[in-house]
Amino acid sequence: MKIVNIPIEPLEERYSIQWDKWFRNEFNKACIDTETVYGDTAITGVKHGSFLDVIETNFYKTSQLMKIMEIITHYDDKDPLILFFHDLWFPGLINIAYIRDGLGLKNLKICGCLHAGSYDEYDFLYKSGMNCWARWFESGICAIVDKIFVATQFHKAMIMENRLVPDDHSITVTGFPIYDEFSKPMCKTNLIIFPHRLDDEKLPVLFDEFSQYSEFKTRFKWLKTKEFCKTKQEFYEVLNKACIAISFAKQETWGIAMQEAVLCGCFPIVPNRLSYTEMYGDCFKYDDLNQAKMMIINLTMNPPFDELKTLQQSILKKGAAAIPSMIREIKKLVK
C-alpha cells in the first residue's frame, strides 16, 4: 500500500503547516510508503476569501492535480494506491474520479478530511452564493470518495442531513489531529481573548460589546488575536498569557483555535451549540449571553482547574488518536 499525501497549501495563520508535519510523521511511524504532493505556486496569505484565498488555492490545487495525474499515469493497479486529501473540498476530485473510473482502477482509493461546506448556511461557501451548484459537487464528493473523515458527530450529522451520502459508513468521525507543541508555563494576566477569524459567523461584534460592559471594562484587557498577531508564534504567546478565551460562533465543525487556547491554559467560554456541545463540559458552555457574562466572573473567582486539566487531557488524547484512527480505516479499504 502506498499513500499519496495531499496537503492543504501552507498558510502561516492556519494549521495547514502543522498538519503537513503531523500527517507525515504519523505515516512514517506506521511505516507506510508515502509520497507527499505539494503545489508549485507561492502562497502569500488570504487576500480574497476566508479560510483560504479563493484565487491562490486554485492555482495551488491545480498544480497538485497535475502531479497526482502523473502518478496515476504510471500506476498499474496491482497494489493499493491511496490518495489522501487533507481537504476533500478539492476541485480536481472530479478529474481524478473520471480517470479512476474510466480506467477501471479498482485498487485506487480516495479518502481524506472534510472541514466544512455550503451545507452550512454560515459557511463562506454558502454566504458567497455557491450553494446553488456546490451542493451537487459536495454530494459528488460523497459519491466519489471511499472514506470521509470528520472531526465531530455534529459535522457528520450535518452532511448526512443535507447531502446525498451513499451510506452512513462512508463518513467516519475520527477527530482531527492536534499536538501540544506551543503551550508554555507563563504567568497569566487578566487578558480575555477572541481567538477566531474576524468573520461574521464568529460574531466578533459580541466580543466588542462584552469589552464595553462597565463590570468588565476596567477589570479585564480584551484582545482579538487576528487584529494583533501576525504569526503563529505571536498567537501562541498571547494564548499563553490570557486567562479566558471566549467564542460566540455560529459556525464551528471542530474549532482548533479554542482548543489551542485551552492547551495554553485559557478557560474556555463557548456557546452550547455546534461542535462545542460534544467537546466541552457543562461548566464551560453557556445557553445565553447573560450566562456567558456570569461565567467570566465565576471562572476568575473560582477557576475550575481540575475541569480544565481534564479538558486538556481529552483534547490531547483525541488529537493524538486522530491520524492513527484514519490509518486504521484506510487499511480496511485495501483488505
C-alpha atoms as a PDB file:
ATOM      1  CA  MET A   1       0.000   0.000   0.000  1.00  0.00           C
ATOM      2  CA  LYS A   2       1.175   3.475  -0.852  1.00  0.00           C
ATOM      3  CA  ILE A   3      -0.333   6.773   0.278  1.00  0.00           C
ATOM      4  CA  VAL A   4      -0.189   9.860  -1.906  1.00  0.00           C
ATOM      5  CA  ASN A   5      -0.373  12.562   0.755  1.00  0.00           C
ATOM      6  CA  ILE A   6      -2.023  15.781  -0.495  1.00  0.00           C
ATOM      7  CA  PRO A   7      -1.739  18.696   1.989  1.00  0.00           C
ATOM      8  CA  ILE A   8      -3.582  21.994   2.107  1.00  0.00           C
ATOM      9  CA  GLU A   9      -1.436  24.904   0.930  1.00  0.00           C
ATOM     10  CA  PRO A  10       0.865  26.181   3.717  1.00  0.00           C
ATOM     11  CA  LEU A  11      -0.588  29.203   5.486  1.00  0.00           C
ATOM     12  CA  GLU A  12       1.122  30.835   8.445  1.00  0.00           C
ATOM     13  CA  GLU A  13      -2.163  31.849  10.102  1.00  0.00           C
ATOM     14  CA  ARG A  14      -3.810  28.436   9.692  1.00  0.00           C
ATOM     15  CA  TYR A  15      -2.951  24.919  10.867  1.00  0.00           C
ATOM     16  CA  SER A  16      -2.039  23.604   7.400  1.00  0.00           C
ATOM     17  CA  ILE A  17       1.733  23.780   8.029  1.00  0.00           C
ATOM     18  CA  GLN A  18       1.350  21.827  11.262  1.00  0.00           C
ATOM     19  CA  TRP A  19      -0.902  19.271   9.594  1.00  0.00           C
ATOM     20  CA  ASP A  20       1.708  18.695   6.898  1.00  0.00           C
ATOM     21  CA  LYS A  21       4.268  17.764   9.546  1.00  0.00           C
ATOM     22  CA  TRP A  22       1.897  15.784  11.755  1.00  0.00           C
ATOM     23  CA  PHE A  23       0.485  13.612   8.964  1.00  0.00           C
ATOM     24  CA  ARG A  24       3.910  12.846   7.513  1.00  0.00           C
ATOM     25  CA  ASN A  25       5.185  11.932  10.972  1.00  0.00           C
ATOM     26  CA  GLU A  26       2.286   9.555  11.661  1.00  0.00           C
ATOM     27  CA  PHE A  27       2.514   7.925   8.222  1.00  0.00           C
ATOM     28  CA  ASN A  28       6.229   7.375   8.841  1.00  0.00           C
ATOM     29  CA  LYS A  29       5.598   5.928  12.309  1.00  0.00           C
ATOM     30  CA  ALA A  30       3.134   3.499  10.736  1.00  0.00           C
ATOM     31  CA  CYS A  31       5.842   2.504   8.194  1.00  0.00           C
ATOM     32  CA  ILE A  32       3.617   3.466   5.259  1.00  0.00           C
ATOM     33  CA  ASP A  33       5.174   4.187   1.877  1.00  0.00           C
ATOM     34  CA  THR A  34       4.202   7.831   1.377  1.00  0.00           C
ATOM     35  CA  GLU A  35       4.670  10.413  -1.350  1.00  0.00           C
ATOM     36  CA  THR A  36       3.669  13.966  -0.490  1.00  0.00           C
ATOM     37  CA  VAL A  37       2.389  16.175  -3.299  1.00  0.00           C
ATOM     38  CA  TYR A  38       2.860  19.913  -2.877  1.00  0.00           C
ATOM     39  CA  GLY A  39       1.702  22.659  -5.199  1.00  0.00           C
ATOM     40  CA  ASP A  40       4.145  24.775  -7.171  1.00  0.00           C
ATOM     41  CA  THR A  41       2.776  28.251  -6.563  1.00  0.00           C
ATOM     42  CA  ALA A  42       3.821  30.643  -3.792  1.00  0.00           C
ATOM     43  CA  ILE A  43       1.202  31.292  -1.120  1.00  0.00           C
ATOM     44  CA  THR A  44       1.133  34.825   0.274  1.00  0.00           C
ATOM     45  CA  GLY A  45      -1.856  34.645   2.630  1.00  0.00           C
ATOM     46  CA  VAL A  46      -5.616  35.081   2.472  1.00  0.00           C
ATOM     47  CA  LYS A  47      -6.380  38.231   0.485  1.00  0.00           C
ATOM     48  CA  HIS A  48      -9.552  37.029  -1.239  1.00  0.00           C
ATOM     49  CA  GLY A  49     -11.851  34.819   0.800  1.00  0.00           C
ATOM     50  CA  SER A  50     -11.976  33.493   4.327  1.00  0.00           C
ATOM     51  CA  PHE A  51     -10.284  30.239   5.337  1.00  0.00           C
ATOM     52  CA  LEU A  52      -8.318  30.005   2.067  1.00  0.00           C
ATOM     53  CA  ASP A  53      -7.578  32.550  -0.649  1.00  0.00           C
ATOM     54  CA  VAL A  54     -10.076  31.778  -3.429  1.00  0.00           C
ATOM     55  CA  ILE A  55      -7.567  32.523  -6.199  1.00  0.00           C
ATOM     56  CA  GLU A  56      -4.310  31.181  -4.783  1.00  0.00           C
ATOM     57  CA  THR A  57      -5.932  27.966  -3.553  1.00  0.00           C
ATOM     58  CA  ASN A  58      -6.973  27.113  -7.106  1.00  0.00           C
ATOM     59  CA  PHE A  59      -3.506  27.820  -8.519  1.00  0.00           C
ATOM     60  CA  TYR A  60      -2.021  25.608  -5.815  1.00  0.00           C
ATOM     61  CA  LYS A  61      -4.537  22.761  -6.172  1.00  0.00           C
ATOM     62  CA  THR A  62      -4.270  22.795  -9.962  1.00  0.00           C
ATOM     63  CA  SER A  63      -0.526  22.182  -9.786  1.00  0.00           C
ATOM     64  CA  GLN A  64      -1.156  19.426  -7.244  1.00  0.00           C
ATOM     65  CA  LEU A  65      -3.708  17.870  -9.602  1.00  0.00           C
ATOM     66  CA  MET A  66      -1.177  17.733 -12.439  1.00  0.00           C
ATOM     67  CA  LYS A  67       1.257  15.841 -10.222  1.00  0.00           C
ATOM     68  CA  ILE A  68      -1.446  13.450  -8.992  1.00  0.00           C
ATOM     69  CA  MET A  69      -2.427  12.671 -12.589  1.00  0.00           C
ATOM     70  CA  GLU A  70       1.216  11.986 -13.412  1.00  0.00           C
ATOM     71  CA  ILE A  71       1.381   9.479 -10.537  1.00  0.00           C
ATOM     72  CA  ILE A  72      -1.801   7.752 -11.732  1.00  0.00           C
ATOM     73  CA  THR A  73      -0.407   7.603 -15.275  1.00  0.00           C
ATOM     74  CA  HIS A  74       2.401   5.331 -14.055  1.00  0.00           C
ATOM     75  CA  TYR A  75       0.159   3.276 -11.738  1.00  0.00           C
ATOM     76  CA  ASP A  76      -0.626  -0.305 -12.806  1.00  0.00           C
ATOM     77  CA  ASP A  77      -3.393  -1.068 -10.242  1.00  0.00           C
ATOM     78  CA  LYS A  78      -1.676  -4.176  -8.846  1.00  0.00           C
ATOM     79  CA  ASP A  79      -1.068  -2.714  -5.381  1.00  0.00           C
ATOM     80  CA  PRO A  80      -3.362  -0.377  -3.407  1.00  0.00           C
ATOM     81  CA  LEU A  81      -2.767   3.330  -4.012  1.00  0.00           C
ATOM     82  CA  ILE A  82      -4.459   5.716  -1.577  1.00  0.00           C
ATOM     83  CA  LEU A  83      -4.990   9.362  -2.470  1.00  0.00           C
ATOM     84  CA  PHE A  84      -5.274  11.096   0.904  1.00  0.00           C
ATOM     85  CA  PHE A  85      -6.519  14.698   0.854  1.00  0.00           C
ATOM     86  CA  HIS A  86      -6.089  16.936   3.889  1.00  0.00           C
ATOM     87  CA  ASP A  87      -9.137  18.743   2.489  1.00  0.00           C
ATOM     88  CA  LEU A  88     -11.531  16.829   0.246  1.00  0.00           C
ATOM     89  CA  TRP A  89     -13.094  20.084  -0.998  1.00  0.00           C
ATOM     90  CA  PHE A  90     -10.676  19.775  -3.910  1.00  0.00           C
ATOM     91  CA  PRO A  91     -11.989  20.943  -7.311  1.00  0.00           C
ATOM     92  CA  GLY A  92      -9.878  18.394  -9.236  1.00  0.00           C
ATOM     93  CA  LEU A  93     -11.550  15.494  -7.461  1.00  0.00           C
ATOM     94  CA  ILE A  94     -13.908  15.073 -10.424  1.00  0.00           C
ATOM     95  CA  ASN A  95     -10.957  14.764 -12.824  1.00  0.00           C
ATOM     96  CA  ILE A  96      -9.406  12.081 -10.646  1.00  0.00           C
ATOM     97  CA  ALA A  97     -12.685  10.139 -10.419  1.00  0.00           C
ATOM     98  CA  TYR A  98     -13.050  10.380 -14.209  1.00  0.00           C
ATOM     99  CA  ILE A  99      -9.623   8.795 -14.693  1.00  0.00           C
ATOM    100  CA  ARG A 100     -10.122   6.172 -11.975  1.00  0.00           C
ATOM    101  CA  ASP A 101     -13.479   5.007 -13.252  1.00  0.00           C
ATOM    102  CA  GLY A 102     -12.604   5.401 -16.930  1.00  0.00           C
ATOM    103  CA  LEU A 103      -9.608   3.111 -16.494  1.00  0.00           C
ATOM    104  CA  GLY A 104     -11.357   0.797 -14.063  1.00  0.00           C
ATOM    105  CA  LEU A 105      -8.705   1.221 -11.354  1.00  0.00           C
ATOM    106  CA  LYS A 106     -10.141  -0.911  -8.557  1.00  0.00           C
ATOM    107  CA  ASN A 107      -7.186  -0.533  -6.175  1.00  0.00           C
ATOM    108  CA  LEU A 108      -7.058   3.250  -6.411  1.00  0.00           C
ATOM    109  CA  LYS A 109      -8.815   4.598  -3.318  1.00  0.00           C
ATOM    110  CA  ILE A 110      -9.667   8.188  -2.435  1.00  0.00           C
ATOM    111  CA  CYS A 111     -10.141   9.453   1.108  1.00  0.00           C
ATOM    112  CA  GLY A 112      -9.416  12.427   3.334  1.00  0.00           C
ATOM    113  CA  CYS A 113     -10.764  15.087   5.671  1.00  0.00           C
ATOM    114  CA  LEU A 114     -13.788  17.307   5.150  1.00  0.00           C
ATOM    115  CA  HIS A 115     -13.804  20.540   7.118  1.00  0.00           C
ATOM    116  CA  ALA A 116     -16.964  22.375   6.060  1.00  0.00           C
ATOM    117  CA  GLY A 117     -19.178  23.067   3.071  1.00  0.00           C
ATOM    118  CA  SER A 118     -22.041  25.003   1.549  1.00  0.00           C
ATOM    119  CA  TYR A 119     -24.458  22.800   3.532  1.00  0.00           C
ATOM    120  CA  ASP A 120     -23.745  25.161   6.447  1.00  0.00           C
ATOM    121  CA  GLU A 121     -25.581  28.458   5.977  1.00  0.00           C
ATOM    122  CA  TYR A 122     -22.917  30.289   7.987  1.00  0.00           C
ATOM    123  CA  ASP A 123     -20.005  28.956   5.931  1.00  0.00           C
ATOM    124  CA  PHE A 124     -18.152  31.165   3.431  1.00  0.00           C
ATOM    125  CA  LEU A 125     -19.264  28.941   0.530  1.00  0.00           C
ATOM    126  CA  TYR A 126     -22.937  29.349   1.350  1.00  0.00           C
ATOM    127  CA  LYS A 127     -22.680  33.067   2.079  1.00  0.00           C
ATOM    128  CA  SER A 128     -20.928  33.586  -1.253  1.00  0.00           C
ATOM    129  CA  GLY A 129     -23.908  32.108  -3.095  1.00  0.00           C
ATOM    130  CA  MET A 130     -22.180  28.872  -4.111  1.00  0.00           C
ATOM    131  CA  ASN A 131     -24.801  26.555  -2.627  1.00  0.00           C
ATOM    132  CA  CYS A 132     -26.784  26.534  -5.897  1.00  0.00           C
ATOM    133  CA  TRP A 133     -24.017  24.478  -7.520  1.00  0.00           C
ATOM    134  CA  ALA A 134     -21.738  23.429  -4.634  1.00  0.00           C
ATOM    135  CA  ARG A 135     -24.457  21.194  -3.170  1.00  0.00           C
ATOM    136  CA  TRP A 136     -24.092  18.951  -6.224  1.00  0.00           C
ATOM    137  CA  PHE A 137     -20.311  18.995  -6.009  1.00  0.00           C
ATOM    138  CA  GLU A 138     -20.454  18.090  -2.301  1.00  0.00           C
ATOM    139  CA  SER A 139     -22.849  15.237  -2.995  1.00  0.00           C
ATOM    140  CA  GLY A 140     -20.376  14.251  -5.720  1.00  0.00           C
ATOM    141  CA  ILE A 141     -17.569  14.213  -3.155  1.00  0.00           C
ATOM    142  CA  CYS A 142     -19.621  11.821  -1.029  1.00  0.00           C
ATOM    143  CA  ALA A 143     -20.170   9.567  -4.064  1.00  0.00           C
ATOM    144  CA  ILE A 144     -16.591   9.714  -5.358  1.00  0.00           C
ATOM    145  CA  VAL A 145     -14.532   9.090  -2.243  1.00  0.00           C
ATOM    146  CA  ASP A 146     -14.142   5.816  -0.393  1.00  0.00           C
ATOM    147  CA  LYS A 147     -13.917   7.368   3.066  1.00  0.00           C
ATOM    148  CA  ILE A 148     -14.566  10.815   4.537  1.00  0.00           C
ATOM    149  CA  PHE A 149     -13.042  11.741   7.895  1.00  0.00           C
ATOM    150  CA  VAL A 150     -14.684  14.435  10.017  1.00  0.00           C
ATOM    151  CA  ALA A 151     -13.863  15.818  13.450  1.00  0.00           C
ATOM    152  CA  THR A 152     -17.247  15.625  15.172  1.00  0.00           C
ATOM    153  CA  GLN A 153     -20.600  13.855  15.198  1.00  0.00           C
ATOM    154  CA  PHE A 154     -22.160  17.289  14.720  1.00  0.00           C
ATOM    155  CA  HIS A 155     -20.420  17.700  11.366  1.00  0.00           C
ATOM    156  CA  LYS A 156     -21.267  14.174  10.207  1.00  0.00           C
ATOM    157  CA  ALA A 157     -24.935  14.702  11.026  1.00  0.00           C
ATOM    158  CA  MET A 158     -24.961  17.977   9.092  1.00  0.00           C
ATOM    159  CA  ILE A 159     -23.552  16.291   5.983  1.00  0.00           C
ATOM    160  CA  MET A 160     -25.906  13.301   6.269  1.00  0.00           C
ATOM    161  CA  GLU A 161     -28.914  15.593   6.584  1.00  0.00           C
ATOM    162  CA  ASN A 162     -28.057  17.971   3.737  1.00  0.00           C
ATOM    163  CA  ARG A 163     -26.176  15.976   1.090  1.00  0.00           C
ATOM    164  CA  LEU A 164     -26.639  12.743  -0.831  1.00  0.00           C
ATOM    165  CA  VAL A 165     -24.450  10.239   1.023  1.00  0.00           C
ATOM    166  CA  PRO A 166     -24.240   6.660  -0.322  1.00  0.00           C
ATOM    167  CA  ASP A 167     -24.162   5.128   3.153  1.00  0.00           C
ATOM    168  CA  ASP A 168     -23.561   6.071   6.760  1.00  0.00           C
ATOM    169  CA  HIS A 169     -20.266   4.179   6.948  1.00  0.00           C
ATOM    170  CA  SER A 170     -18.608   6.299   4.246  1.00  0.00           C
ATOM    171  CA  ILE A 171     -18.210   9.097   6.820  1.00  0.00           C
ATOM    172  CA  THR A 172     -16.176   8.303   9.937  1.00  0.00           C
ATOM    173  CA  VAL A 173     -15.738  10.543  12.979  1.00  0.00           C
ATOM    174  CA  THR A 174     -12.057  10.358  13.905  1.00  0.00           C
ATOM    175  CA  GLY A 175     -11.399  13.782  15.350  1.00  0.00           C
ATOM    176  CA  PHE A 176      -8.654  15.892  13.806  1.00  0.00           C
ATOM    177  CA  PRO A 177      -5.006  15.985  14.899  1.00  0.00           C
ATOM    178  CA  ILE A 178      -3.670  18.384  17.470  1.00  0.00           C
ATOM    179  CA  TYR A 179      -0.464  18.057  19.491  1.00  0.00           C
ATOM    180  CA  ASP A 180       0.805  20.338  22.215  1.00  0.00           C
ATOM    181  CA  GLU A 181       3.868  21.986  20.716  1.00  0.00           C
ATOM    182  CA  PHE A 182       3.100  25.535  21.776  1.00  0.00           C
ATOM    183  CA  SER A 183       1.967  25.814  25.403  1.00  0.00           C
ATOM    184  CA  LYS A 184       4.411  27.329  27.888  1.00  0.00           C
ATOM    185  CA  PRO A 185       4.198  27.807  31.658  1.00  0.00           C
ATOM    186  CA  MET A 186       3.725  31.556  31.977  1.00  0.00           C
ATOM    187  CA  CYS A 187       2.147  33.930  34.456  1.00  0.00           C
ATOM    188  CA  LYS A 188      -1.443  34.540  33.456  1.00  0.00           C
ATOM    189  CA  THR A 189      -2.779  38.066  33.113  1.00  0.00           C
ATOM    190  CA  ASN A 190      -6.318  39.468  33.189  1.00  0.00           C
ATOM    191  CA  LEU A 191      -6.491  39.138  29.405  1.00  0.00           C
ATOM    192  CA  ILE A 192      -9.615  37.831  27.650  1.00  0.00           C
ATOM    193  CA  ILE A 193      -9.133  36.854  24.020  1.00  0.00           C
ATOM    194  CA  PHE A 194     -11.195  36.236  20.913  1.00  0.00           C
ATOM    195  CA  PRO A 195      -9.052  33.665  19.027  1.00  0.00           C
ATOM    196  CA  HIS A 196     -11.157  33.334  15.879  1.00  0.00           C
ATOM    197  CA  ARG A 197     -11.123  34.749  12.377  1.00  0.00           C
ATOM    198  CA  LEU A 198     -12.943  38.090  12.265  1.00  0.00           C
ATOM    199  CA  ASP A 199     -15.702  36.754  10.020  1.00  0.00           C
ATOM    200  CA  ASP A 200     -19.366  37.471  10.646  1.00  0.00           C
ATOM    201  CA  GLU A 201     -20.213  33.876  11.608  1.00  0.00           C
ATOM    202  CA  LYS A 202     -17.749  34.120  14.517  1.00  0.00           C
ATOM    203  CA  LEU A 203     -19.607  37.212  15.813  1.00  0.00           C
ATOM    204  CA  PRO A 204     -16.642  39.411  16.804  1.00  0.00           C
ATOM    205  CA  VAL A 205     -19.172  42.223  17.334  1.00  0.00           C
ATOM    206  CA  LEU A 206     -20.329  40.488  20.520  1.00  0.00           C
ATOM    207  CA  PHE A 207     -16.768  40.419  21.811  1.00  0.00           C
ATOM    208  CA  ASP A 208     -16.615  44.185  21.279  1.00  0.00           C
ATOM    209  CA  GLU A 209     -19.891  44.604  23.171  1.00  0.00           C
ATOM    210  CA  PHE A 210     -18.694  42.480  26.084  1.00  0.00           C
ATOM    211  CA  SER A 211     -15.492  44.502  26.358  1.00  0.00           C
ATOM    212  CA  GLN A 212     -17.523  47.675  26.902  1.00  0.00           C
ATOM    213  CA  TYR A 213     -19.659  46.441  29.807  1.00  0.00           C
ATOM    214  CA  SER A 214     -18.888  48.513  32.878  1.00  0.00           C
ATOM    215  CA  GLU A 215     -18.234  45.474  35.085  1.00  0.00           C
ATOM    216  CA  PHE A 216     -15.628  44.213  32.583  1.00  0.00           C
ATOM    217  CA  LYS A 217     -14.147  47.342  31.046  1.00  0.00           C
ATOM    218  CA  THR A 218     -11.610  48.157  33.745  1.00  0.00           C
ATOM    219  CA  ARG A 219     -11.216  44.706  35.247  1.00  0.00           C
ATOM    220  CA  PHE A 220     -10.005  42.905  32.115  1.00  0.00           C
ATOM    221  CA  LYS A 221      -7.996  43.541  28.980  1.00  0.00           C
ATOM    222  CA  TRP A 222      -9.707  42.469  25.761  1.00  0.00           C
ATOM    223  CA  LEU A 223      -7.946  41.389  22.584  1.00  0.00           C
ATOM    224  CA  LYS A 224      -8.972  39.935  19.227  1.00  0.00           C
ATOM    225  CA  THR A 225      -5.922  37.923  18.214  1.00  0.00           C
ATOM    226  CA  LYS A 226      -6.389  38.455  14.470  1.00  0.00           C
ATOM    227  CA  GLU A 227      -6.061  42.207  14.971  1.00  0.00           C
ATOM    228  CA  PHE A 228      -2.780  41.833  16.818  1.00  0.00           C
ATOM    229  CA  CYS A 229      -0.977  38.609  15.886  1.00  0.00           C
ATOM    230  CA  LYS A 230       0.854  38.432  12.560  1.00  0.00           C
ATOM    231  CA  THR A 231       2.418  34.996  13.073  1.00  0.00           C
ATOM    232  CA  LYS A 232       1.516  31.725  14.769  1.00  0.00           C
ATOM    233  CA  GLN A 233       4.253  32.355  17.315  1.00  0.00           C
ATOM    234  CA  GLU A 234       2.718  35.694  18.311  1.00  0.00           C
ATOM    235  CA  PHE A 235      -0.681  33.994  18.517  1.00  0.00           C
ATOM    236  CA  TYR A 236       0.643  31.344  20.911  1.00  0.00           C
ATOM    237  CA  GLU A 237       2.417  33.954  23.036  1.00  0.00           C
ATOM    238  CA  VAL A 238      -0.911  35.716  23.539  1.00  0.00           C
ATOM    239  CA  LEU A 239      -2.707  32.447  24.354  1.00  0.00           C
ATOM    240  CA  ASN A 240      -0.127  31.605  26.992  1.00  0.00           C
ATOM    241  CA  LYS A 241      -0.708  34.956  28.717  1.00  0.00           C
ATOM    242  CA  ALA A 242      -4.510  35.029  28.522  1.00  0.00           C
ATOM    243  CA  CYS A 243      -6.819  33.744  31.240  1.00  0.00           C
ATOM    244  CA  ILE A 244     -10.033  33.289  29.213  1.00  0.00           C
ATOM    245  CA  ALA A 245     -10.856  32.541  25.569  1.00  0.00           C
ATOM    246  CA  ILE A 246     -14.421  33.209  24.522  1.00  0.00           C
ATOM    247  CA  SER A 247     -16.421  32.160  21.480  1.00  0.00           C
ATOM    248  CA  PHE A 248     -19.767  33.313  20.118  1.00  0.00           C
ATOM    249  CA  ALA A 249     -19.536  31.255  16.923  1.00  0.00           C
ATOM    250  CA  LYS A 250     -22.499  30.351  14.769  1.00  0.00           C
ATOM    251  CA  GLN A 251     -20.332  28.082  12.602  1.00  0.00           C
ATOM    252  CA  GLU A 252     -17.939  25.510  14.018  1.00  0.00           C
ATOM    253  CA  THR A 253     -17.372  21.919  12.960  1.00  0.00           C
ATOM    254  CA  TRP A 254     -14.240  21.411  15.063  1.00  0.00           C
ATOM    255  CA  GLY A 255     -12.664  24.579  16.488  1.00  0.00           C
ATOM    256  CA  ILE A 256      -8.877  24.379  16.704  1.00  0.00           C
ATOM    257  CA  ALA A 257      -8.407  27.974  17.920  1.00  0.00           C
ATOM    258  CA  MET A 258     -10.368  27.325  21.113  1.00  0.00           C
ATOM    259  CA  GLN A 259      -8.557  24.023  21.633  1.00  0.00           C
ATOM    260  CA  GLU A 260      -5.178  25.719  21.251  1.00  0.00           C
ATOM    261  CA  ALA A 261      -6.289  28.286  23.821  1.00  0.00           C
ATOM    262  CA  VAL A 262      -7.322  25.546  26.239  1.00  0.00           C
ATOM    263  CA  LEU A 263      -3.964  23.782  25.858  1.00  0.00           C
ATOM    264  CA  CYS A 264      -2.278  27.101  26.669  1.00  0.00           C
ATOM    265  CA  GLY A 265      -4.204  27.272  29.933  1.00  0.00           C
ATOM    266  CA  CYS A 266      -7.127  29.519  28.975  1.00  0.00           C
ATOM    267  CA  PHE A 267     -10.510  28.792  30.465  1.00  0.00           C
ATOM    268  CA  PRO A 268     -12.903  28.452  27.507  1.00  0.00           C
ATOM    269  CA  ILE A 269     -16.357  30.006  27.325  1.00  0.00           C
ATOM    270  CA  VAL A 270     -18.319  28.568  24.412  1.00  0.00           C
ATOM    271  CA  PRO A 271     -21.958  28.548  23.257  1.00  0.00           C
ATOM    272  CA  ASN A 272     -23.890  25.352  23.891  1.00  0.00           C
ATOM    273  CA  ARG A 273     -24.282  24.559  20.198  1.00  0.00           C
ATOM    274  CA  LEU A 274     -22.433  23.247  17.127  1.00  0.00           C
ATOM    275  CA  SER A 275     -19.383  21.019  17.713  1.00  0.00           C
ATOM    276  CA  TYR A 276     -18.924  22.581  21.143  1.00  0.00           C
ATOM    277  CA  THR A 277     -21.788  20.535  22.588  1.00  0.00           C
ATOM    278  CA  GLU A 278     -19.827  17.278  22.341  1.00  0.00           C
ATOM    279  CA  MET A 279     -16.356  18.650  23.083  1.00  0.00           C
ATOM    280  CA  TYR A 280     -16.736  20.783  26.225  1.00  0.00           C
ATOM    281  CA  GLY A 281     -18.046  20.138  29.717  1.00  0.00           C
ATOM    282  CA  ASP A 282     -21.090  21.961  31.063  1.00  0.00           C
ATOM    283  CA  CYS A 283     -19.019  24.332  33.190  1.00  0.00           C
ATOM    284  CA  PHE A 284     -17.585  25.891  30.008  1.00  0.00           C
ATOM    285  CA  LYS A 285     -20.824  26.194  27.960  1.00  0.00           C
ATOM    286  CA  TYR A 286     -23.444  28.918  28.056  1.00  0.00           C
ATOM    287  CA  ASP A 287     -27.026  28.972  26.792  1.00  0.00           C
ATOM    288  CA  ASP A 288     -27.427  32.751  26.590  1.00  0.00           C
ATOM    289  CA  LEU A 289     -25.275  35.858  26.752  1.00  0.00           C
ATOM    290  CA  ASN A 290     -26.233  36.698  30.346  1.00  0.00           C
ATOM    291  CA  GLN A 291     -24.926  33.312  31.384  1.00  0.00           C
ATOM    292  CA  ALA A 292     -21.733  33.981  29.427  1.00  0.00           C
ATOM    293  CA  LYS A 293     -21.234  37.223  31.349  1.00  0.00           C
ATOM    294  CA  MET A 294     -21.627  35.433  34.674  1.00  0.00           C
ATOM    295  CA  MET A 295     -19.158  32.764  33.582  1.00  0.00           C
ATOM    296  CA  ILE A 296     -16.443  35.380  33.059  1.00  0.00           C
ATOM    297  CA  ILE A 297     -16.760  36.412  36.717  1.00  0.00           C
ATOM    298  CA  ASN A 298     -17.138  32.865  38.043  1.00  0.00           C
ATOM    299  CA  LEU A 299     -14.168  31.489  36.115  1.00  0.00           C
ATOM    300  CA  THR A 300     -11.876  34.169  37.524  1.00  0.00           C
ATOM    301  CA  MET A 301     -13.204  33.996  41.087  1.00  0.00           C
ATOM    302  CA  ASN A 302     -13.499  30.208  41.315  1.00  0.00           C
ATOM    303  CA  PRO A 303     -11.380  28.792  38.480  1.00  0.00           C
ATOM    304  CA  PRO A 304     -12.183  25.089  37.836  1.00  0.00           C
ATOM    305  CA  PHE A 305      -8.602  23.913  37.408  1.00  0.00           C
ATOM    306  CA  ASP A 306      -9.484  20.215  37.613  1.00  0.00           C
ATOM    307  CA  GLU A 307     -12.082  20.529  34.848  1.00  0.00           C
ATOM    308  CA  LEU A 308      -9.606  22.477  32.701  1.00  0.00           C
ATOM    309  CA  LYS A 309      -6.949  19.793  33.164  1.00  0.00           C
ATOM    310  CA  THR A 310      -9.455  17.083  32.248  1.00  0.00           C
ATOM    311  CA  LEU A 311     -10.421  19.012  29.122  1.00  0.00           C
ATOM    312  CA  GLN A 312      -6.764  19.468  28.129  1.00  0.00           C
ATOM    313  CA  GLN A 313      -6.139  15.742  28.518  1.00  0.00           C
ATOM    314  CA  SER A 314      -9.236  14.934  26.455  1.00  0.00           C
ATOM    315  CA  ILE A 315      -8.177  17.273  23.624  1.00  0.00           C
ATOM    316  CA  LEU A 316      -4.669  15.796  23.509  1.00  0.00           C
ATOM    317  CA  LYS A 317      -5.919  12.206  23.670  1.00  0.00           C
ATOM    318  CA  LYS A 318      -8.366  12.731  20.817  1.00  0.00           C
ATOM    319  CA  GLY A 319      -5.833  14.733  18.819  1.00  0.00           C
ATOM    320  CA  ALA A 320      -3.140  12.077  19.129  1.00  0.00           C
ATOM    321  CA  ALA A 321      -5.590   9.331  18.155  1.00  0.00           C
ATOM    322  CA  ALA A 322      -6.979  11.084  15.062  1.00  0.00           C
ATOM    323  CA  ILE A 323      -4.408  10.165  12.385  1.00  0.00           C
ATOM    324  CA  PRO A 324      -3.861   6.600  13.681  1.00  0.00           C
ATOM    325  CA  SER A 325      -7.656   6.157  13.510  1.00  0.00           C
ATOM    326  CA  MET A 326      -7.635   7.368   9.920  1.00  0.00           C
ATOM    327  CA  ILE A 327      -4.818   4.956   9.087  1.00  0.00           C
ATOM    328  CA  ARG A 328      -6.810   2.025  10.526  1.00  0.00           C
ATOM    329  CA  GLU A 329      -9.811   2.987   8.389  1.00  0.00           C
ATOM    330  CA  ILE A 330      -7.609   3.322   5.299  1.00  0.00           C
ATOM    331  CA  LYS A 331      -6.191  -0.152   5.829  1.00  0.00           C
ATOM    332  CA  LYS A 332      -9.736  -1.545   5.910  1.00  0.00           C
ATOM    333  CA  LEU A 333     -10.257  -0.173   2.399  1.00  0.00           C
ATOM    334  CA  VAL A 334      -7.486  -2.353   0.954  1.00  0.00           C
ATOM    335  CA  LYS A 335      -8.263  -5.660   2.675  1.00  0.00           C
END
